[in-house]
Amino acid sequence: MNLLSLIAPLLLADPTITMDHDQLTAQIGQTLTVESVVNNSGPGVAHLNVVSLDGVYVDLEDWSQDVTQPVSGGSQSSLDWDFQAVNPGHFAVYVVLIPKNGALVAGPPVHITVAPRQTLDTGGAVPVAIVVPTLLAVATLIGRAASKGSGGF
């Protein structure tokens, strides 16, 4: 066997993209990282995409500043993608290879569930709003009573 017969199947194989996760969960504002591996591709560009599965508008520039990365080609290229969870809901993140020659290749989606940010509820504020002024009033009355009893004003 010669070298060409060994590498010819690799050169003729269609490019593929794999992802290191199937699904992730996050809170709004959390930064996530996924890795994609592009196999058997020629030179081109890989592009990160985010789509809402709930119909929420997604502005890709809000999610990530680096949405394209060059792919030099060859047997394997590993690409890391950092993005921030911007909206609550269910999303799919995927990578598309845009080769210099050939058809587009889309990788599998990573399903992302983003939970809303936890906020304080008003139920915890009501007792504080009642107790603190009451304690201040009681302290003021005690202070006045003590000053009257000691010959003050």
N, C-alpha and C. Protein backbone atom coordinates (compact mmCIF):
# COMPACT_ATOMS: atom_id res chain seq x y z
N MET A 1 0.84 -1.19 0.00
CA MET A 1 0.00 0.00 0.00
C MET A 1 0.88 1.24 0.00
N ASN A 2 0.48 2.21 -0.81
CA ASN A 2 1.24 3.45 -0.81
C ASN A 2 0.53 4.48 0.07
N LEU A 3 1.17 5.59 0.30
CA LEU A 3 0.65 6.64 1.18
C LEU A 3 -0.66 7.23 0.64
N LEU A 4 -0.77 7.40 -0.65
CA LEU A 4 -1.97 7.96 -1.24
C LEU A 4 -3.18 7.08 -0.98
N SER A 5 -3.03 5.77 -1.06
CA SER A 5 -4.17 4.89 -0.81
C SER A 5 -4.60 4.92 0.65
N LEU A 6 -3.69 5.29 1.56
CA LEU A 6 -4.04 5.39 2.97
C LEU A 6 -4.78 6.70 3.28
N ILE A 7 -4.37 7.78 2.65
CA ILE A 7 -4.98 9.07 2.97
C ILE A 7 -6.14 9.44 2.04
N ALA A 8 -6.29 8.76 0.95
CA ALA A 8 -7.37 9.08 0.00
C ALA A 8 -8.75 9.02 0.66
N PRO A 9 -9.07 8.01 1.50
CA PRO A 9 -10.39 8.00 2.15
C PRO A 9 -10.61 9.23 3.03
N LEU A 10 -9.55 9.72 3.67
CA LEU A 10 -9.68 10.91 4.50
C LEU A 10 -9.95 12.15 3.64
N LEU A 11 -9.30 12.22 2.50
CA LEU A 11 -9.47 13.37 1.63
C LEU A 11 -10.85 13.37 0.96
N LEU A 12 -11.41 12.20 0.73
CA LEU A 12 -12.70 12.10 0.06
C LEU A 12 -13.88 12.13 1.01
N ALA A 13 -13.62 11.93 2.29
CA ALA A 13 -14.72 11.90 3.26
C ALA A 13 -15.33 13.30 3.40
N ASP A 14 -16.63 13.33 3.59
CA ASP A 14 -17.31 14.60 3.80
C ASP A 14 -16.88 15.19 5.14
N PRO A 15 -16.78 16.51 5.21
CA PRO A 15 -16.46 17.14 6.50
C PRO A 15 -17.58 16.87 7.51
N THR A 16 -17.20 16.76 8.77
CA THR A 16 -18.16 16.58 9.85
C THR A 16 -17.80 17.53 10.99
N ILE A 17 -18.82 17.85 11.78
CA ILE A 17 -18.62 18.68 12.97
C ILE A 17 -19.21 17.94 14.16
N THR A 18 -18.45 17.84 15.23
CA THR A 18 -18.97 17.27 16.48
C THR A 18 -18.85 18.33 17.57
N MET A 19 -19.70 18.21 18.58
CA MET A 19 -19.70 19.13 19.71
C MET A 19 -19.40 18.36 20.98
N ASP A 20 -18.80 19.03 21.97
CA ASP A 20 -18.43 18.34 23.20
C ASP A 20 -19.57 18.22 24.21
N HIS A 21 -20.71 18.85 23.94
CA HIS A 21 -21.89 18.75 24.81
C HIS A 21 -23.14 18.52 23.96
N ASP A 22 -24.12 17.87 24.56
CA ASP A 22 -25.45 17.75 23.94
C ASP A 22 -26.39 18.80 24.49
N GLN A 23 -26.22 19.09 25.80
CA GLN A 23 -27.08 20.07 26.45
C GLN A 23 -26.36 20.71 27.62
N LEU A 24 -26.77 21.93 27.93
CA LEU A 24 -26.20 22.68 29.05
C LEU A 24 -27.32 23.47 29.71
N THR A 25 -27.11 23.85 30.97
CA THR A 25 -28.02 24.75 31.66
C THR A 25 -27.21 25.94 32.16
N ALA A 26 -27.87 27.09 32.25
CA ALA A 26 -27.18 28.30 32.68
C ALA A 26 -28.18 29.26 33.30
N GLN A 27 -27.66 30.30 33.93
CA GLN A 27 -28.45 31.43 34.42
C GLN A 27 -28.14 32.61 33.51
N ILE A 28 -29.05 33.55 33.42
CA ILE A 28 -28.79 34.75 32.61
C ILE A 28 -27.49 35.39 33.10
N GLY A 29 -26.65 35.78 32.15
CA GLY A 29 -25.37 36.43 32.46
C GLY A 29 -24.20 35.47 32.56
N GLN A 30 -24.47 34.18 32.68
CA GLN A 30 -23.40 33.20 32.81
C GLN A 30 -22.70 33.00 31.46
N THR A 31 -21.37 32.88 31.51
CA THR A 31 -20.59 32.62 30.30
C THR A 31 -20.37 31.11 30.17
N LEU A 32 -20.62 30.60 28.99
CA LEU A 32 -20.47 29.17 28.70
C LEU A 32 -19.43 28.98 27.61
N THR A 33 -18.83 27.81 27.57
CA THR A 33 -17.87 27.45 26.53
C THR A 33 -18.23 26.08 25.98
N VAL A 34 -18.27 25.98 24.67
CA VAL A 34 -18.42 24.68 24.02
C VAL A 34 -17.27 24.52 23.03
N GLU A 35 -16.94 23.27 22.76
CA GLU A 35 -15.88 22.98 21.80
C GLU A 35 -16.48 22.24 20.62
N SER A 36 -16.10 22.66 19.43
CA SER A 36 -16.49 21.93 18.23
C SER A 36 -15.22 21.36 17.61
N VAL A 37 -15.37 20.20 16.99
CA VAL A 37 -14.26 19.57 16.27
C VAL A 37 -14.71 19.39 14.83
N VAL A 38 -13.95 19.99 13.92
CA VAL A 38 -14.22 19.89 12.49
C VAL A 38 -13.27 18.85 11.93
N ASN A 39 -13.82 17.83 11.28
CA ASN A 39 -13.01 16.74 10.72
C ASN A 39 -13.07 16.75 9.20
N ASN A 40 -11.97 16.37 8.59
CA ASN A 40 -11.88 16.14 7.14
C ASN A 40 -12.33 17.35 6.30
N SER A 41 -11.92 18.51 6.71
CA SER A 41 -12.34 19.69 5.95
C SER A 41 -11.16 20.33 5.25
N GLY A 42 -11.47 21.06 4.24
CA GLY A 42 -10.48 21.93 3.63
C GLY A 42 -10.53 23.26 4.35
N PRO A 43 -9.81 24.24 3.87
CA PRO A 43 -9.83 25.55 4.51
C PRO A 43 -11.21 26.19 4.39
N GLY A 44 -11.54 26.98 5.39
CA GLY A 44 -12.82 27.67 5.38
C GLY A 44 -13.01 28.46 6.66
N VAL A 45 -14.26 28.73 6.97
CA VAL A 45 -14.62 29.49 8.16
C VAL A 45 -15.71 28.73 8.91
N ALA A 46 -15.56 28.67 10.23
CA ALA A 46 -16.61 28.09 11.07
C ALA A 46 -17.37 29.26 11.71
N HIS A 47 -18.68 29.11 11.79
CA HIS A 47 -19.54 30.19 12.30
C HIS A 47 -20.45 29.66 13.39
N LEU A 48 -20.45 30.34 14.54
CA LEU A 48 -21.32 29.98 15.66
C LEU A 48 -22.69 30.60 15.45
N ASN A 49 -23.73 29.83 15.76
CA ASN A 49 -25.11 30.29 15.61
C ASN A 49 -25.88 29.99 16.88
N VAL A 50 -26.81 30.88 17.24
CA VAL A 50 -27.70 30.68 18.39
C VAL A 50 -29.12 30.92 17.90
N VAL A 51 -30.00 29.97 18.17
CA VAL A 51 -31.40 30.10 17.77
C VAL A 51 -32.28 29.81 18.97
N SER A 52 -33.35 30.58 19.11
CA SER A 52 -34.31 30.37 20.19
C SER A 52 -35.29 29.27 19.78
N LEU A 53 -35.55 28.37 20.70
CA LEU A 53 -36.55 27.33 20.47
C LEU A 53 -37.91 27.76 21.02
N ASP A 54 -37.96 28.97 21.63
CA ASP A 54 -39.20 29.52 22.18
C ASP A 54 -39.73 30.69 21.37
N GLY A 55 -39.05 31.07 20.31
CA GLY A 55 -39.49 32.20 19.50
C GLY A 55 -38.99 33.55 19.99
N VAL A 56 -38.07 33.56 20.95
CA VAL A 56 -37.50 34.80 21.48
C VAL A 56 -36.48 35.34 20.46
N TYR A 57 -36.47 36.65 20.26
CA TYR A 57 -35.49 37.25 19.35
C TYR A 57 -34.09 37.07 19.93
N VAL A 58 -33.15 36.63 19.10
CA VAL A 58 -31.76 36.43 19.51
C VAL A 58 -30.88 37.35 18.67
N ASP A 59 -30.14 38.22 19.35
CA ASP A 59 -29.14 39.05 18.68
C ASP A 59 -27.79 38.39 18.95
N LEU A 60 -27.23 37.76 17.94
CA LEU A 60 -26.01 36.97 18.09
C LEU A 60 -24.88 37.79 18.69
N GLU A 61 -24.79 39.07 18.35
CA GLU A 61 -23.71 39.91 18.87
C GLU A 61 -23.82 40.11 20.38
N ASP A 62 -25.02 39.97 20.95
CA ASP A 62 -25.17 40.05 22.40
C ASP A 62 -24.66 38.77 23.07
N TRP A 63 -24.78 37.67 22.38
CA TRP A 63 -24.37 36.38 22.94
C TRP A 63 -22.87 36.15 22.85
N SER A 64 -22.24 36.60 21.77
CA SER A 64 -20.81 36.34 21.57
C SER A 64 -20.19 37.40 20.67
N GLN A 65 -18.98 37.81 21.00
CA GLN A 65 -18.26 38.76 20.17
C GLN A 65 -17.48 38.05 19.06
N ASP A 66 -17.14 36.80 19.28
CA ASP A 66 -16.34 36.03 18.32
C ASP A 66 -17.20 34.92 17.73
N VAL A 67 -17.86 35.19 16.62
CA VAL A 67 -18.77 34.21 16.05
C VAL A 67 -18.18 33.50 14.83
N THR A 68 -17.00 33.90 14.39
CA THR A 68 -16.35 33.19 13.28
C THR A 68 -14.92 32.86 13.67
N GLN A 69 -14.48 31.70 13.19
CA GLN A 69 -13.09 31.27 13.39
C GLN A 69 -12.61 30.59 12.12
N PRO A 70 -11.35 30.84 11.75
CA PRO A 70 -10.82 30.18 10.55
C PRO A 70 -10.57 28.70 10.80
N VAL A 71 -10.77 27.92 9.76
CA VAL A 71 -10.46 26.49 9.79
C VAL A 71 -9.40 26.28 8.72
N SER A 72 -8.24 25.81 9.13
CA SER A 72 -7.13 25.67 8.19
C SER A 72 -7.28 24.44 7.30
N GLY A 73 -8.08 23.52 7.73
CA GLY A 73 -8.26 22.30 6.95
C GLY A 73 -7.37 21.20 7.46
N GLY A 74 -7.52 20.04 6.91
CA GLY A 74 -6.75 18.89 7.37
C GLY A 74 -7.65 17.88 8.04
N SER A 75 -7.03 17.03 8.83
CA SER A 75 -7.80 15.94 9.42
C SER A 75 -8.69 16.40 10.57
N GLN A 76 -8.23 17.39 11.38
CA GLN A 76 -9.03 17.76 12.54
C GLN A 76 -8.68 19.18 13.01
N SER A 77 -9.70 19.97 13.30
CA SER A 77 -9.52 21.31 13.87
C SER A 77 -10.45 21.44 15.08
N SER A 78 -9.88 21.78 16.24
CA SER A 78 -10.67 22.00 17.45
C SER A 78 -10.87 23.49 17.64
N LEU A 79 -12.12 23.88 17.90
CA LEU A 79 -12.47 25.29 18.06
C LEU A 79 -13.26 25.48 19.35
N ASP A 80 -12.83 26.41 20.20
CA ASP A 80 -13.56 26.75 21.42
C ASP A 80 -14.42 27.97 21.16
N TRP A 81 -15.64 27.94 21.68
CA TRP A 81 -16.60 29.03 21.51
C TRP A 81 -17.07 29.49 22.87
N ASP A 82 -16.87 30.76 23.19
CA ASP A 82 -17.37 31.35 24.43
C ASP A 82 -18.58 32.21 24.10
N PHE A 83 -19.63 32.10 24.91
CA PHE A 83 -20.80 32.93 24.72
C PHE A 83 -21.49 33.13 26.06
N GLN A 84 -22.28 34.19 26.13
CA GLN A 84 -22.97 34.53 27.36
C GLN A 84 -24.47 34.32 27.19
N ALA A 85 -25.08 33.70 28.18
CA ALA A 85 -26.53 33.49 28.18
C ALA A 85 -27.21 34.84 28.43
N VAL A 86 -27.93 35.32 27.44
CA VAL A 86 -28.50 36.66 27.49
C VAL A 86 -29.99 36.65 27.85
N ASN A 87 -30.74 35.71 27.31
CA ASN A 87 -32.18 35.66 27.51
C ASN A 87 -32.57 34.36 28.21
N PRO A 88 -33.64 34.38 29.02
CA PRO A 88 -34.12 33.12 29.57
C PRO A 88 -34.88 32.34 28.49
N GLY A 89 -34.84 31.03 28.60
CA GLY A 89 -35.58 30.19 27.66
C GLY A 89 -34.76 29.01 27.19
N HIS A 90 -35.19 28.45 26.06
CA HIS A 90 -34.55 27.27 25.48
C HIS A 90 -33.94 27.67 24.14
N PHE A 91 -32.67 27.31 23.96
CA PHE A 91 -31.92 27.72 22.78
C PHE A 91 -31.13 26.54 22.22
N ALA A 92 -30.74 26.66 20.97
CA ALA A 92 -29.82 25.70 20.35
C ALA A 92 -28.62 26.50 19.85
N VAL A 93 -27.45 26.00 20.19
CA VAL A 93 -26.20 26.59 19.72
C VAL A 93 -25.57 25.56 18.79
N TYR A 94 -25.17 26.00 17.59
CA TYR A 94 -24.57 25.07 16.65
C TYR A 94 -23.54 25.80 15.80
N VAL A 95 -22.69 25.03 15.14
CA VAL A 95 -21.61 25.56 14.32
C VAL A 95 -21.84 25.14 12.87
N VAL A 96 -21.63 26.07 11.96
CA VAL A 96 -21.72 25.79 10.53
C VAL A 96 -20.33 26.01 9.92
N LEU A 97 -19.88 25.05 9.13
CA LEU A 97 -18.63 25.18 8.40
C LEU A 97 -18.94 25.75 7.02
N ILE A 98 -18.27 26.84 6.69
CA ILE A 98 -18.41 27.46 5.38
C ILE A 98 -17.08 27.23 4.66
N PRO A 99 -16.99 26.16 3.86
CA PRO A 99 -15.71 25.84 3.22
C PRO A 99 -15.47 26.74 2.01
N LYS A 100 -14.19 26.86 1.65
CA LYS A 100 -13.86 27.61 0.43
C LYS A 100 -14.39 26.89 -0.80
N ASN A 101 -14.40 25.59 -0.74
CA ASN A 101 -14.95 24.77 -1.83
C ASN A 101 -15.89 23.75 -1.23
N GLY A 102 -17.07 23.63 -1.76
CA GLY A 102 -18.01 22.62 -1.27
C GLY A 102 -19.21 23.24 -0.61
N ALA A 103 -20.03 22.37 -0.07
CA ALA A 103 -21.30 22.77 0.54
C ALA A 103 -21.13 23.08 2.02
N LEU A 104 -22.07 23.83 2.55
CA LEU A 104 -22.10 24.11 3.99
C LEU A 104 -22.31 22.82 4.76
N VAL A 105 -21.70 22.76 5.95
CA VAL A 105 -21.87 21.61 6.83
C VAL A 105 -22.28 22.14 8.19
N ALA A 106 -23.42 21.67 8.72
CA ALA A 106 -23.89 22.10 10.04
C ALA A 106 -23.61 21.00 11.05
N GLY A 107 -23.17 21.42 12.22
CA GLY A 107 -22.94 20.48 13.30
C GLY A 107 -24.21 20.25 14.09
N PRO A 108 -24.18 19.31 15.02
CA PRO A 108 -25.36 19.03 15.85
C PRO A 108 -25.58 20.17 16.85
N PRO A 109 -26.83 20.38 17.27
CA PRO A 109 -27.08 21.46 18.23
C PRO A 109 -26.72 21.07 19.65
N VAL A 110 -26.32 22.07 20.41
CA VAL A 110 -26.19 21.95 21.85
C VAL A 110 -27.41 22.67 22.42
N HIS A 111 -28.27 21.93 23.12
CA HIS A 111 -29.48 22.52 23.68
C HIS A 111 -29.13 23.22 25.00
N ILE A 112 -29.49 24.50 25.08
CA ILE A 112 -29.18 25.32 26.25
C ILE A 112 -30.48 25.75 26.91
N THR A 113 -30.61 25.50 28.20
CA THR A 113 -31.73 26.00 28.98
C THR A 113 -31.20 27.10 29.88
N VAL A 114 -31.72 28.32 29.71
CA VAL A 114 -31.27 29.47 30.48
C VAL A 114 -32.37 29.87 31.45
N ALA A 115 -32.03 29.82 32.74
CA ALA A 115 -32.98 30.19 33.79
C ALA A 115 -32.91 31.70 34.02
N PRO A 116 -34.05 32.30 34.39
CA PRO A 116 -34.03 33.74 34.68
C PRO A 116 -33.20 34.01 35.93
N ARG A 117 -32.73 35.23 36.04
CA ARG A 117 -31.94 35.62 37.20
C ARG A 117 -32.85 35.66 38.43
N GLN A 118 -32.33 35.16 39.55
CA GLN A 118 -33.08 35.18 40.80
C GLN A 118 -33.11 36.61 41.33
N THR A 119 -34.28 37.10 41.67
CA THR A 119 -34.42 38.43 42.24
C THR A 119 -35.07 38.33 43.61
N LEU A 120 -34.85 39.34 44.41
CA LEU A 120 -35.49 39.37 45.72
C LEU A 120 -36.97 39.63 45.54
N ASP A 121 -37.77 38.93 46.33
CA ASP A 121 -39.20 39.18 46.25
C ASP A 121 -39.61 40.15 47.35
N THR A 122 -40.75 40.77 47.19
CA THR A 122 -41.21 41.76 48.16
C THR A 122 -41.65 41.14 49.47
N GLY A 123 -41.91 39.83 49.46
CA GLY A 123 -42.32 39.16 50.70
C GLY A 123 -41.27 39.27 51.79
N GLY A 124 -40.01 39.27 51.43
CA GLY A 124 -38.93 39.39 52.41
C GLY A 124 -38.70 40.82 52.85
N ALA A 125 -39.16 41.80 52.06
CA ALA A 125 -38.93 43.20 52.39
C ALA A 125 -39.98 43.74 53.36
N VAL A 126 -41.19 43.19 53.35
CA VAL A 126 -42.27 43.72 54.20
C VAL A 126 -41.92 43.61 55.68
N PRO A 127 -41.47 42.47 56.18
CA PRO A 127 -41.12 42.43 57.61
C PRO A 127 -40.03 43.42 57.98
N VAL A 128 -39.05 43.58 57.12
CA VAL A 128 -37.97 44.53 57.40
C VAL A 128 -38.52 45.95 57.41
N ALA A 129 -39.41 46.27 56.48
CA ALA A 129 -39.98 47.61 56.40
C ALA A 129 -40.83 47.93 57.64
N ILE A 130 -41.37 46.93 58.30
CA ILE A 130 -42.17 47.15 59.50
C ILE A 130 -41.30 47.12 60.75
N VAL A 131 -40.41 46.15 60.85
CA VAL A 131 -39.63 45.96 62.07
C VAL A 131 -38.61 47.08 62.29
N VAL A 132 -37.89 47.51 61.28
CA VAL A 132 -36.83 48.50 61.47
C VAL A 132 -37.40 49.84 61.97
N PRO A 133 -38.43 50.41 61.36
CA PRO A 133 -38.98 51.65 61.92
C PRO A 133 -39.55 51.47 63.33
N THR A 134 -40.16 50.32 63.59
CA THR A 134 -40.71 50.06 64.92
C THR A 134 -39.59 50.04 65.96
N LEU A 135 -38.48 49.36 65.67
CA LEU A 135 -37.34 49.32 66.59
C LEU A 135 -36.75 50.70 66.80
N LEU A 136 -36.67 51.51 65.73
CA LEU A 136 -36.17 52.87 65.87
C LEU A 136 -37.09 53.71 66.75
N ALA A 137 -38.40 53.57 66.59
CA ALA A 137 -39.36 54.31 67.41
C ALA A 137 -39.24 53.90 68.87
N VAL A 138 -39.13 52.60 69.13
CA VAL A 138 -38.99 52.11 70.50
C VAL A 138 -37.70 52.63 71.12
N ALA A 139 -36.60 52.60 70.36
CA ALA A 139 -35.33 53.10 70.87
C ALA A 139 -35.41 54.58 71.18
N THR A 140 -36.13 55.35 70.35
CA THR A 140 -36.29 56.78 70.59
C THR A 140 -37.10 57.03 71.85
N LEU A 141 -38.19 56.27 72.04
CA LEU A 141 -39.01 56.43 73.25
C LEU A 141 -38.23 56.07 74.51
N ILE A 142 -37.46 55.02 74.45
CA ILE A 142 -36.65 54.61 75.60
C ILE A 142 -35.61 55.68 75.91
N GLY A 143 -35.01 56.23 74.85
CA GLY A 143 -34.02 57.29 75.06
C GLY A 143 -34.64 58.53 75.68
N ARG A 144 -35.83 58.91 75.26
CA ARG A 144 -36.51 60.08 75.83
C ARG A 144 -36.91 59.82 77.29
N ALA A 145 -37.41 58.62 77.56
CA ALA A 145 -37.82 58.29 78.93
C ALA A 145 -36.61 58.30 79.86
N ALA A 146 -35.49 57.81 79.38
CA ALA A 146 -34.28 57.77 80.20
C ALA A 146 -33.78 59.19 80.46
N SER A 147 -33.86 60.07 79.45
CA SER A 147 -33.36 61.43 79.64
C SER A 147 -34.30 62.23 80.55
N LYS A 148 -35.61 61.96 80.57
CA LYS A 148 -36.55 62.63 81.46
C LYS A 148 -36.32 62.18 82.89
N GLY A 149 -36.05 60.91 83.06
CA GLY A 149 -35.84 60.37 84.39
C GLY A 149 -34.52 60.83 85.00
N SER A 150 -33.58 61.27 84.19
CA SER A 150 -32.28 61.68 84.72
C SER A 150 -32.17 63.19 84.80
N GLY A 151 -33.29 63.88 84.66
CA GLY A 151 -33.32 65.32 84.80
C GLY A 151 -32.99 66.04 83.51
N GLY A 152 -33.21 65.42 82.41
CA GLY A 152 -32.94 66.06 81.10
C GLY A 152 -34.04 67.03 80.77
N PHE A 153 -34.22 67.41 79.62
CA PHE A 153 -35.17 68.39 79.09
C PHE A 153 -36.44 68.30 79.79
